[in-house]
N, C-alpha and C. Protein backbone atom coordinates (compact mmCIF):
# COMPACT_ATOMS: atom_id res chain seq x y z
N UNK A 1 35.07 1.49 91.16
CA UNK A 1 35.43 3.00 91.33
C UNK A 1 35.91 3.55 90.32
N UNK A 2 36.68 2.80 89.59
CA UNK A 2 37.42 3.82 88.01
C UNK A 2 36.39 4.11 87.11
N UNK A 3 35.02 3.10 87.33
CA UNK A 3 34.00 3.38 86.42
C UNK A 3 33.32 4.75 86.97
N UNK A 4 33.17 5.20 88.45
CA UNK A 4 32.44 6.26 89.10
C UNK A 4 33.64 7.60 88.30
N UNK A 5 34.54 7.12 88.51
CA UNK A 5 35.79 8.33 88.15
C UNK A 5 35.46 8.67 86.96
N UNK A 6 35.38 7.88 85.76
CA UNK A 6 35.26 8.10 84.60
C UNK A 6 34.20 8.91 84.25
N UNK A 7 32.93 8.68 84.98
CA UNK A 7 31.65 9.25 84.85
C UNK A 7 32.06 10.41 85.41
N UNK A 8 32.26 10.96 86.67
CA UNK A 8 32.80 12.35 86.97
C UNK A 8 33.55 12.87 85.99
N UNK A 9 34.59 12.06 85.44
CA UNK A 9 35.75 13.07 84.67
C UNK A 9 34.30 13.30 83.27
N UNK A 10 34.18 12.64 82.68
CA UNK A 10 33.07 12.79 81.52
C UNK A 10 31.91 14.33 81.93
N UNK A 11 31.76 13.99 83.01
CA UNK A 11 30.84 15.09 83.69
C UNK A 11 31.60 16.23 83.42
N UNK A 12 32.48 16.46 84.16
CA UNK A 12 33.43 17.95 84.39
C UNK A 12 33.63 18.34 82.83
N UNK A 13 34.00 17.34 81.94
CA UNK A 13 34.37 17.55 80.69
C UNK A 13 33.18 18.03 79.63
N UNK A 14 31.86 17.24 80.10
CA UNK A 14 30.86 17.92 79.45
C UNK A 14 30.69 19.46 80.14
N UNK A 15 30.44 19.46 81.21
CA UNK A 15 29.93 21.10 81.85
C UNK A 15 31.46 21.95 81.33
N UNK A 16 32.54 21.67 81.13
CA UNK A 16 33.20 22.41 80.75
C UNK A 16 33.38 22.79 79.17
N UNK A 17 32.77 21.96 78.18
CA UNK A 17 32.44 22.29 76.85
C UNK A 17 31.17 22.92 76.92
N UNK A 18 29.80 22.65 77.72
CA UNK A 18 28.95 23.83 77.75
C UNK A 18 29.38 25.02 78.20
N UNK A 19 30.11 25.14 78.91
CA UNK A 19 30.61 26.81 79.43
C UNK A 19 31.19 27.04 78.45
N UNK A 20 32.26 26.60 77.60
CA UNK A 20 32.83 27.16 76.44
C UNK A 20 32.03 27.30 75.54
N UNK A 21 30.77 26.49 75.06
CA UNK A 21 29.92 26.75 74.03
C UNK A 21 29.16 28.13 74.66
N UNK A 22 28.68 28.22 75.88
CA UNK A 22 27.72 29.34 76.41
C UNK A 22 28.85 30.54 76.15
N UNK A 23 29.91 30.81 76.44
CA UNK A 23 30.37 31.78 76.64
C UNK A 23 30.85 32.48 75.03
N UNK A 24 30.90 31.38 74.13
CA UNK A 24 31.27 31.75 72.33
C UNK A 24 29.82 32.11 72.10
N UNK A 25 28.93 31.38 72.50
CA UNK A 25 27.28 31.96 71.88
C UNK A 25 27.05 33.25 72.61
N UNK A 26 27.45 33.53 73.38
CA UNK A 26 27.60 34.82 74.00
C UNK A 26 28.08 35.84 73.45
N UNK A 27 29.37 35.75 72.94
CA UNK A 27 30.01 36.84 72.47
C UNK A 27 29.56 37.01 70.81
N UNK A 28 29.10 35.90 70.30
CA UNK A 28 28.43 35.82 68.95
C UNK A 28 27.19 36.57 69.09
N UNK A 29 26.38 36.06 69.88
CA UNK A 29 24.84 36.65 69.65
C UNK A 29 24.88 38.14 70.74
N UNK A 30 26.04 38.59 71.69
CA UNK A 30 25.27 39.99 72.37
C UNK A 30 25.25 40.92 71.31
N UNK A 31 26.05 41.10 70.36
CA UNK A 31 25.79 42.42 69.71
C UNK A 31 24.74 42.28 69.00
N UNK A 32 24.22 41.23 68.27
CA UNK A 32 22.83 41.18 67.69
C UNK A 32 21.81 41.47 68.64
N UNK A 33 21.88 40.66 69.95
CA UNK A 33 20.97 40.90 71.16
C UNK A 33 20.77 42.54 71.20
N UNK A 34 22.12 42.90 71.59
CA UNK A 34 22.12 44.30 71.93
C UNK A 34 21.61 45.30 70.98
N UNK A 35 21.74 45.26 69.64
CA UNK A 35 21.25 45.85 68.49
C UNK A 35 19.96 45.89 68.20
N UNK A 36 18.93 44.59 68.72
CA UNK A 36 17.59 44.62 68.95
C UNK A 36 17.16 45.13 70.11
N UNK A 37 17.71 45.73 71.00
CA UNK A 37 17.34 46.83 72.21
C UNK A 37 17.70 47.97 72.04
N UNK A 38 19.19 48.51 71.30
CA UNK A 38 19.28 49.89 70.89
C UNK A 38 19.26 49.38 69.04
N UNK A 39 18.15 50.03 68.91
CA UNK A 39 18.17 49.80 67.59
C UNK A 39 18.17 50.91 66.93
N UNK A 40 18.87 51.09 65.75
CA UNK A 40 19.13 52.51 65.00
C UNK A 40 18.21 52.66 63.68
N UNK A 41 16.91 53.32 64.07
CA UNK A 41 15.91 53.78 62.66
C UNK A 41 16.25 55.17 62.46
N UNK A 42 16.04 55.66 60.92
CA UNK A 42 16.18 56.84 60.65
C UNK A 42 17.63 57.52 60.48
N UNK A 43 18.63 56.68 60.35
CA UNK A 43 19.96 56.92 60.40
C UNK A 43 20.27 58.03 59.74
N UNK A 44 19.48 57.71 58.19
CA UNK A 44 19.85 59.20 57.57
C UNK A 44 19.34 60.38 57.73
N UNK A 45 18.08 60.06 58.45
CA UNK A 45 17.68 61.70 59.09
C UNK A 45 18.41 62.31 60.00
N UNK A 46 19.06 61.30 61.10
CA UNK A 46 19.33 61.53 62.06
C UNK A 46 21.04 61.95 61.69
N UNK A 47 21.72 61.52 60.54
CA UNK A 47 22.80 61.73 60.00
C UNK A 47 22.80 63.38 59.37
N UNK A 48 21.92 63.28 58.69
CA UNK A 48 21.77 64.52 58.02
C UNK A 48 21.56 66.08 59.15
N UNK A 49 20.56 65.73 60.33
CA UNK A 49 20.10 66.67 60.84
C UNK A 49 21.49 66.96 62.21
N UNK A 50 22.28 65.79 62.50
CA UNK A 50 23.43 65.69 63.25
C UNK A 50 24.67 66.80 62.20
N UNK A 51 24.34 66.63 61.19
CA UNK A 51 25.57 67.43 60.80
C UNK A 51 25.42 69.04 60.46
N UNK A 52 23.83 68.94 60.10
CA UNK A 52 23.29 70.79 60.07
C UNK A 52 23.80 71.29 61.05
N UNK A 53 23.85 70.70 62.12
CA UNK A 53 23.49 71.63 63.64
C UNK A 53 25.00 71.07 64.19
N UNK A 54 25.80 70.43 63.57
CA UNK A 54 27.13 69.98 64.13
C UNK A 54 26.99 69.29 65.75
N UNK A 55 26.10 68.39 65.80
CA UNK A 55 26.09 67.29 66.66
C UNK A 55 27.04 65.87 66.58
N UNK A 56 26.96 65.15 67.15
CA UNK A 56 27.44 64.10 67.18
C UNK A 56 26.31 63.37 67.41
N UNK A 57 25.99 62.64 66.11
CA UNK A 57 25.27 61.58 65.75
C UNK A 57 24.48 60.42 66.83
N UNK A 58 25.78 59.90 67.52
CA UNK A 58 25.72 58.77 68.46
C UNK A 58 24.72 59.52 69.49
N UNK A 59 25.05 60.88 69.93
CA UNK A 59 24.31 61.39 71.12
C UNK A 59 23.20 61.58 70.57
N UNK A 60 22.80 62.02 69.40
CA UNK A 60 21.32 62.10 69.07
C UNK A 60 20.99 60.93 69.22
N UNK A 61 21.43 59.88 68.88
CA UNK A 61 20.77 58.60 68.84
C UNK A 61 20.48 57.79 70.36
N UNK A 62 21.47 58.44 71.35
CA UNK A 62 21.35 58.10 72.43
C UNK A 62 20.19 59.19 73.38
N UNK A 63 19.98 60.19 72.65
CA UNK A 63 18.60 61.05 73.13
C UNK A 63 17.51 60.22 72.83
N UNK A 64 17.79 60.18 71.43
CA UNK A 64 16.15 59.48 71.02
C UNK A 64 16.05 57.82 71.60
N UNK A 65 16.72 57.15 71.84
CA UNK A 65 16.76 56.30 72.32
C UNK A 65 16.21 56.15 74.00
N UNK A 66 16.76 57.35 74.57
CA UNK A 66 16.33 57.23 75.79
C UNK A 66 14.93 58.03 76.09
N UNK A 67 14.94 58.73 75.19
CA UNK A 67 13.30 59.57 75.12
C UNK A 67 12.08 58.49 74.87
N UNK A 68 12.38 57.76 73.67
CA UNK A 68 11.21 56.99 73.14
C UNK A 68 11.36 55.87 72.76
N UNK A 69 12.95 55.34 72.84
CA UNK A 69 13.28 53.97 72.06
C UNK A 69 12.86 53.93 70.71
N UNK A 70 13.02 55.12 69.99
CA UNK A 70 12.93 55.01 68.60
C UNK A 70 11.23 54.86 68.36
N UNK A 71 10.50 55.20 69.29
CA UNK A 71 9.03 55.09 69.04
C UNK A 71 8.21 56.53 68.19
N UNK A 72 8.24 56.60 67.36
CA UNK A 72 7.91 57.76 66.55
C UNK A 72 6.54 58.13 66.81
N UNK A 73 5.56 57.52 67.90
CA UNK A 73 4.23 57.97 67.95
C UNK A 73 4.43 58.02 69.42
N UNK A 74 5.55 58.17 70.06
CA UNK A 74 5.67 58.35 71.13
C UNK A 74 4.61 59.51 71.61
N UNK A 75 4.08 59.32 72.86
CA UNK A 75 3.38 60.70 73.47
C UNK A 75 3.36 60.42 75.07
N UNK A 76 3.83 61.41 75.87
CA UNK A 76 4.44 61.21 76.96
C UNK A 76 3.35 61.33 77.85
N UNK A 77 3.30 61.27 79.62
CA UNK A 77 2.12 61.73 80.02
C UNK A 77 1.72 63.31 80.11
N UNK A 78 3.08 63.73 79.72
CA UNK A 78 2.95 65.42 80.02
C UNK A 78 3.19 65.74 78.54
N UNK A 79 2.65 65.02 77.93
CA UNK A 79 2.18 65.78 76.33
C UNK A 79 3.72 65.56 75.56
N UNK A 80 4.79 65.18 75.87
CA UNK A 80 5.91 65.39 75.04
C UNK A 80 5.70 64.20 73.43
N UNK A 81 6.03 64.47 72.91
CA UNK A 81 5.33 63.92 71.36
C UNK A 81 7.04 63.59 70.54
N UNK A 82 6.93 62.17 70.20
CA UNK A 82 7.71 62.14 68.89
C UNK A 82 8.93 61.50 69.46
N UNK A 83 9.73 61.40 68.41
CA UNK A 83 11.05 60.38 68.80
C UNK A 83 11.97 61.19 70.00
N UNK A 84 11.87 62.37 69.95
CA UNK A 84 12.80 63.11 70.56
C UNK A 84 12.03 63.87 71.82
N UNK A 85 10.61 63.56 72.08
CA UNK A 85 9.93 63.73 73.07
C UNK A 85 9.95 65.56 73.08
N UNK A 86 9.62 65.84 72.37
CA UNK A 86 9.48 67.43 72.37
C UNK A 86 7.88 68.10 72.71
N UNK A 87 7.88 68.94 73.60
CA UNK A 87 6.72 69.25 74.28
C UNK A 87 6.28 70.52 73.28
N UNK A 88 4.76 70.28 73.07
CA UNK A 88 4.10 71.11 72.01
C UNK A 88 4.26 72.68 72.11
N UNK A 89 4.80 73.16 73.34
CA UNK A 89 5.12 74.51 73.29
C UNK A 89 6.55 75.02 72.89
N UNK A 90 7.58 73.99 73.30
CA UNK A 90 8.92 73.97 72.67
C UNK A 90 8.79 73.87 71.07
N UNK A 91 7.99 72.98 70.43
CA UNK A 91 7.80 72.65 69.34
C UNK A 91 7.14 74.02 68.61
N UNK A 92 6.57 74.80 69.13
CA UNK A 92 6.05 75.85 68.33
C UNK A 92 7.18 77.08 68.34
N UNK A 93 7.66 77.24 69.73
CA UNK A 93 9.05 77.93 69.64
C UNK A 93 10.10 77.58 68.92
N UNK A 94 10.34 76.31 68.65
CA UNK A 94 11.43 76.27 67.40
C UNK A 94 10.93 76.48 66.00
N UNK A 95 9.65 75.93 66.04
CA UNK A 95 9.17 76.60 64.56
C UNK A 95 9.12 77.74 64.24
N UNK A 96 8.72 78.90 65.17
CA UNK A 96 9.16 80.43 65.22
C UNK A 96 10.48 80.59 64.79
N UNK A 97 11.49 79.97 65.37
CA UNK A 97 12.95 80.43 65.04
C UNK A 97 13.45 79.75 63.96
N UNK A 98 12.88 78.26 63.49
CA UNK A 98 13.06 77.92 62.14
C UNK A 98 12.33 78.48 61.28
N UNK A 99 11.37 79.51 61.43
CA UNK A 99 10.92 80.33 60.21
C UNK A 99 9.51 79.08 59.64
N UNK A 100 9.22 78.00 60.02
CA UNK A 100 8.34 76.91 59.86
C UNK A 100 6.73 77.74 59.72
N UNK A 101 6.50 78.16 58.72
CA UNK A 101 5.30 78.46 58.15
C UNK A 101 4.09 77.66 58.77
N UNK A 102 4.12 76.51 58.01
CA UNK A 102 3.19 75.63 58.18
C UNK A 102 3.14 74.27 59.09
N UNK A 103 3.52 74.87 60.08
CA UNK A 103 3.65 73.76 61.48
C UNK A 103 2.80 74.08 62.41
N UNK A 104 2.24 72.65 62.59
CA UNK A 104 1.47 72.24 63.64
C UNK A 104 1.84 71.47 64.23
N UNK A 105 1.29 71.05 65.54
CA UNK A 105 1.58 70.37 66.58
C UNK A 105 1.96 68.87 66.16
N UNK A 106 0.85 68.46 65.26
CA UNK A 106 0.74 67.27 64.76
C UNK A 106 2.24 66.95 63.85
N UNK A 107 3.23 67.83 63.80
CA UNK A 107 4.20 67.71 62.64
C UNK A 107 5.34 66.92 63.89
N UNK A 108 4.84 66.97 65.30
CA UNK A 108 6.14 66.30 65.87
C UNK A 108 6.24 65.14 66.04
N UNK A 109 4.91 64.48 65.16
CA UNK A 109 5.06 62.77 65.37
C UNK A 109 5.63 62.59 63.87
N UNK A 110 5.83 63.37 63.02
CA UNK A 110 6.75 63.21 61.89
C UNK A 110 8.14 63.34 61.98
N UNK A 111 8.92 62.04 61.95
CA UNK A 111 10.19 61.63 62.23
C UNK A 111 11.28 62.53 61.91
N UNK A 112 10.91 63.23 60.30
CA UNK A 112 11.97 64.06 60.07
C UNK A 112 11.62 65.36 60.77
N UNK A 113 10.49 65.74 60.79
CA UNK A 113 10.39 66.99 61.32
C UNK A 113 10.93 67.22 63.00
N UNK A 114 10.48 66.04 63.77
CA UNK A 114 10.67 65.91 64.95
C UNK A 114 12.35 65.73 65.11
N UNK A 115 13.00 65.12 64.67
CA UNK A 115 14.45 64.91 64.46
C UNK A 115 15.23 66.41 64.32
N UNK A 116 14.72 67.05 62.96
CA UNK A 116 15.40 68.16 62.76
C UNK A 116 15.13 69.19 64.02
N UNK A 117 13.90 69.19 64.33
CA UNK A 117 13.55 70.31 65.48
C UNK A 117 14.30 69.77 66.96
N UNK A 118 14.25 68.67 67.29
CA UNK A 118 15.32 67.99 68.17
C UNK A 118 16.71 68.44 67.98
N UNK A 119 17.37 68.24 67.04
CA UNK A 119 18.96 68.45 66.97
C UNK A 119 18.96 70.15 66.83
N UNK A 120 18.08 70.75 66.38
CA UNK A 120 18.07 72.25 66.22
C UNK A 120 18.20 72.79 67.81
N UNK A 121 17.31 72.21 68.43
CA UNK A 121 17.07 72.57 70.03
C UNK A 121 18.59 72.15 70.94
N UNK A 122 19.19 70.67 70.70
CA UNK A 122 20.17 70.48 71.47
C UNK A 122 21.23 71.72 70.91
N UNK A 123 21.48 72.00 69.89
CA UNK A 123 22.50 72.68 69.15
C UNK A 123 22.12 74.20 69.79
N UNK A 124 20.95 74.81 69.82
CA UNK A 124 20.58 75.78 70.75
C UNK A 124 21.34 75.66 72.01
N UNK A 125 21.11 74.31 72.81
CA UNK A 125 21.50 74.25 74.06
C UNK A 125 23.04 74.12 74.54
N UNK A 126 23.38 73.49 73.44
CA UNK A 126 25.18 73.75 73.46
C UNK A 126 25.51 75.19 73.38
N UNK A 127 24.86 75.98 72.49
CA UNK A 127 25.36 77.36 72.65
C UNK A 127 25.17 77.94 73.97
N UNK A 128 23.86 77.66 74.25
CA UNK A 128 23.44 78.52 75.72
C UNK A 128 24.36 77.72 76.62
N UNK A 129 24.68 76.69 76.77
CA UNK A 129 25.55 76.49 77.87
C UNK A 129 27.36 75.67 77.34
N UNK A 130 27.58 76.96 76.77
CA UNK A 130 28.99 76.71 76.15
C UNK A 130 29.40 75.05 75.94
N UNK A 131 28.67 74.72 75.27
CA UNK A 131 29.32 73.18 74.87
C UNK A 131 29.36 72.26 75.90
N UNK A 132 28.74 72.18 77.07
CA UNK A 132 29.01 71.34 77.96
C UNK A 132 27.78 70.50 77.80
N UNK A 133 28.50 69.21 77.94
CA UNK A 133 27.17 68.18 77.41
C UNK A 133 26.15 68.08 78.27
N UNK A 134 26.84 67.76 79.86
CA UNK A 134 25.94 67.48 81.13
C UNK A 134 25.00 68.54 81.27
N UNK A 135 25.73 69.87 80.87
CA UNK A 135 24.08 70.61 81.36
C UNK A 135 23.37 70.88 80.10
N UNK A 136 23.82 70.51 78.86
CA UNK A 136 22.93 70.50 77.64
C UNK A 136 21.64 69.18 77.89
N UNK A 137 22.16 67.90 78.37
CA UNK A 137 21.47 66.88 79.04
C UNK A 137 20.46 67.53 79.91
N UNK A 138 20.93 68.04 80.92
CA UNK A 138 20.29 68.51 82.17
C UNK A 138 19.19 69.25 81.67
N UNK A 139 19.20 70.43 80.61
CA UNK A 139 18.32 70.88 80.16
C UNK A 139 17.35 70.61 79.27
N UNK A 140 17.86 69.78 78.58
CA UNK A 140 16.67 69.21 77.52
C UNK A 140 15.89 68.31 78.45
N UNK A 141 15.94 67.64 79.84
CA UNK A 141 14.79 66.92 80.45
C UNK A 141 14.49 68.11 81.33
N UNK A 142 15.29 68.78 82.06
CA UNK A 142 14.48 69.86 83.20
C UNK A 142 14.12 71.07 82.61
N UNK A 143 14.54 71.39 81.30
CA UNK A 143 14.54 72.77 80.98
C UNK A 143 15.61 73.98 81.08
N UNK A 144 16.20 74.63 80.36
CA UNK A 144 17.37 75.46 80.33
C UNK A 144 16.78 76.46 81.43
N UNK A 145 15.90 77.07 81.61
CA UNK A 145 15.53 78.01 83.06
C UNK A 145 15.76 77.49 84.36
N UNK A 146 15.51 76.12 84.41
CA UNK A 146 15.71 75.62 85.56
C UNK A 146 17.63 74.98 85.54
N UNK A 147 18.00 74.78 84.39
CA UNK A 147 19.33 74.51 84.48
C UNK A 147 20.29 75.54 85.04
N UNK A 148 19.45 77.15 84.32
CA UNK A 148 20.22 78.22 84.62
C UNK A 148 19.82 78.98 85.81
N UNK A 149 18.98 78.78 86.43
CA UNK A 149 18.74 78.76 88.15
C UNK A 149 19.57 78.12 88.65
N UNK A 150 19.88 76.75 88.38
CA UNK A 150 20.73 76.08 89.51
C UNK A 150 22.32 76.67 89.12
N UNK A 151 22.74 76.94 87.99
CA UNK A 151 23.93 77.90 87.71
C UNK A 151 24.33 79.02 88.96
N UNK A 152 23.12 79.70 88.94
CA UNK A 152 23.13 80.74 89.52
C UNK A 152 22.81 80.42 90.77
N UNK A 153 22.66 79.52 91.73
CA UNK A 153 22.74 78.97 92.92
C UNK A 153 23.79 78.21 93.50
N UNK A 154 24.85 79.17 94.54
CA UNK A 154 26.02 78.88 94.79
C UNK A 154 25.99 77.40 95.57
N UNK A 155 25.07 77.07 96.15
CA UNK A 155 24.98 75.68 96.42
C UNK A 155 25.17 74.50 95.59
N UNK A 156 24.88 74.95 94.36
CA UNK A 156 24.78 73.55 93.32
C UNK A 156 25.90 73.95 92.20
N UNK A 157 26.27 75.38 92.29
CA UNK A 157 27.22 75.78 91.27
C UNK A 157 28.47 76.40 92.03
N UNK A 158 29.49 76.38 92.01
CA UNK A 158 30.40 77.10 92.74
C UNK A 158 30.71 78.29 92.17
N UNK A 159 31.27 78.07 90.70
CA UNK A 159 31.69 78.84 89.13
C UNK A 159 30.57 79.11 88.95
N UNK A 160 29.51 79.01 88.55
CA UNK A 160 28.44 79.47 87.79
C UNK A 160 28.29 78.87 86.38
N UNK A 161 29.37 78.28 85.94
CA UNK A 161 29.55 77.25 84.78
C UNK A 161 29.12 75.82 84.79
N UNK A 162 29.52 75.14 86.28
CA UNK A 162 29.17 73.76 86.12
C UNK A 162 28.45 73.43 87.14
N UNK A 163 27.91 72.25 87.56
CA UNK A 163 26.75 71.88 88.47
C UNK A 163 27.89 71.03 89.31
N UNK A 164 27.67 71.21 90.57
CA UNK A 164 28.58 70.39 91.72
C UNK A 164 27.51 69.06 91.84
N UNK A 165 26.22 69.08 91.46
CA UNK A 165 25.32 67.93 91.19
C UNK A 165 24.27 68.46 90.74
N UNK A 166 23.40 67.35 90.51
CA UNK A 166 21.85 67.44 89.75
C UNK A 166 21.16 67.45 90.70
N UNK A 167 20.24 68.47 90.91
CA UNK A 167 19.66 68.53 92.02
C UNK A 167 18.13 67.75 91.76
N UNK A 168 18.03 67.41 90.66
CA UNK A 168 16.28 66.57 90.34
C UNK A 168 17.01 64.99 89.96
N UNK A 169 16.76 64.01 90.70
CA UNK A 169 17.13 62.79 90.68
C UNK A 169 16.51 62.59 89.25
N UNK A 170 15.30 62.41 88.44
CA UNK A 170 14.83 62.42 87.50
C UNK A 170 16.10 62.95 86.20
N UNK A 171 16.44 64.18 86.60
CA UNK A 171 17.53 64.51 85.64
C UNK A 171 18.67 64.00 85.59
N UNK A 172 19.21 63.60 86.67
CA UNK A 172 20.43 63.00 86.95
C UNK A 172 20.34 61.84 86.39
N UNK A 173 19.64 60.78 86.85
CA UNK A 173 19.08 59.60 86.18
C UNK A 173 19.05 59.52 84.36
N UNK A 174 18.26 60.85 84.08
CA UNK A 174 18.33 60.71 82.80
C UNK A 174 19.91 61.11 81.54
N UNK A 175 20.45 62.04 82.53
CA UNK A 175 21.92 62.07 82.14
C UNK A 175 22.67 60.86 82.04
N UNK A 176 22.49 60.11 83.17
CA UNK A 176 23.22 58.45 82.92
C UNK A 176 22.62 57.87 82.23
N UNK A 177 21.45 57.94 82.07
CA UNK A 177 20.83 56.79 81.00
C UNK A 177 21.47 57.21 79.43
N UNK A 178 21.23 58.47 79.17
CA UNK A 178 21.87 59.00 77.90
C UNK A 178 23.05 58.86 77.98
N UNK A 179 24.21 58.75 78.52
CA UNK A 179 25.54 58.45 78.41
C UNK A 179 25.73 57.21 78.22
N UNK A 180 24.69 56.42 79.17
CA UNK A 180 24.99 54.65 79.10
C UNK A 180 24.68 54.40 77.20
N UNK A 181 23.78 54.76 76.95
CA UNK A 181 23.14 54.57 75.52
C UNK A 181 24.13 55.44 74.62
N UNK A 182 24.62 56.30 74.74
CA UNK A 182 25.99 56.99 73.70
C UNK A 182 26.88 55.95 73.67
N UNK A 183 27.29 55.29 74.47
CA UNK A 183 28.55 54.19 74.66
C UNK A 183 28.18 53.22 73.73
N UNK A 184 26.96 52.46 74.37
CA UNK A 184 26.28 51.46 73.65
C UNK A 184 26.22 51.98 72.02
N UNK A 185 25.75 52.92 71.72
CA UNK A 185 25.52 53.40 70.14
C UNK A 185 26.99 53.72 69.60
N UNK A 186 27.83 54.21 70.23
CA UNK A 186 29.28 54.28 69.76
C UNK A 186 29.90 52.71 69.37
N UNK A 187 29.62 51.94 70.11
CA UNK A 187 30.52 50.40 70.38
C UNK A 187 29.39 49.84 69.32
N UNK A 188 28.34 49.64 69.15
CA UNK A 188 27.60 48.68 68.09
C UNK A 188 27.24 49.46 67.00
N UNK A 189 27.42 50.61 66.93
CA UNK A 189 27.20 51.05 65.22
C UNK A 189 28.79 51.93 65.23
N UNK A 190 29.62 51.46 64.97
CA UNK A 190 30.70 52.22 65.09
C UNK A 190 31.39 52.79 63.74
N UNK A 191 30.73 52.18 62.64
CA UNK A 191 30.77 52.51 61.43
C UNK A 191 29.53 53.23 60.69
N UNK A 192 28.35 53.67 61.43
CA UNK A 192 27.42 53.72 61.05
C UNK A 192 27.41 55.13 60.69
N UNK A 193 28.34 56.20 61.10
CA UNK A 193 28.20 57.83 60.64
C UNK A 193 29.19 58.14 60.08
N UNK A 194 29.35 59.24 59.25
CA UNK A 194 30.79 59.43 58.54
C UNK A 194 31.19 60.61 59.03
């Protein structure tokens, strides 16, 4: 009987030690693992473009992560291109606004060009939607004309400035994913940007 109690006690101690080890390993490895998921590439370009267009670089990282997971060759099923998944017609419009005389659609796959244009576009949306990040992200996903239409619809916006809800599930989920990634980037890379 005493031998059985000792074995049971040893098993409990072993299980407790394994649990403690697992908890310690989790805390040590969790940031490492999350940094493998939430990568931060093109940091200097993001910082430069974010500063130029007065954007939060962590938000830019979150948009890039949500749009392409930092895949600079990404092309969506609707032909959005590059890190920030800009549509070719949006890219052409931005290129005209930026007076880029040598612009071609292929430039959207060049990280520096794509991030620069994507940041300019985010800044444009911030100006258009009075600095409201939810509206900016909704417009980035669904298009500014769509969001402007929602603001005019009294069943969606009671004041014409904010939305009571996001009518598109895809856009609602997009905003949630960007916000989640934003919190991860701020936490994982808190000293990455000046």
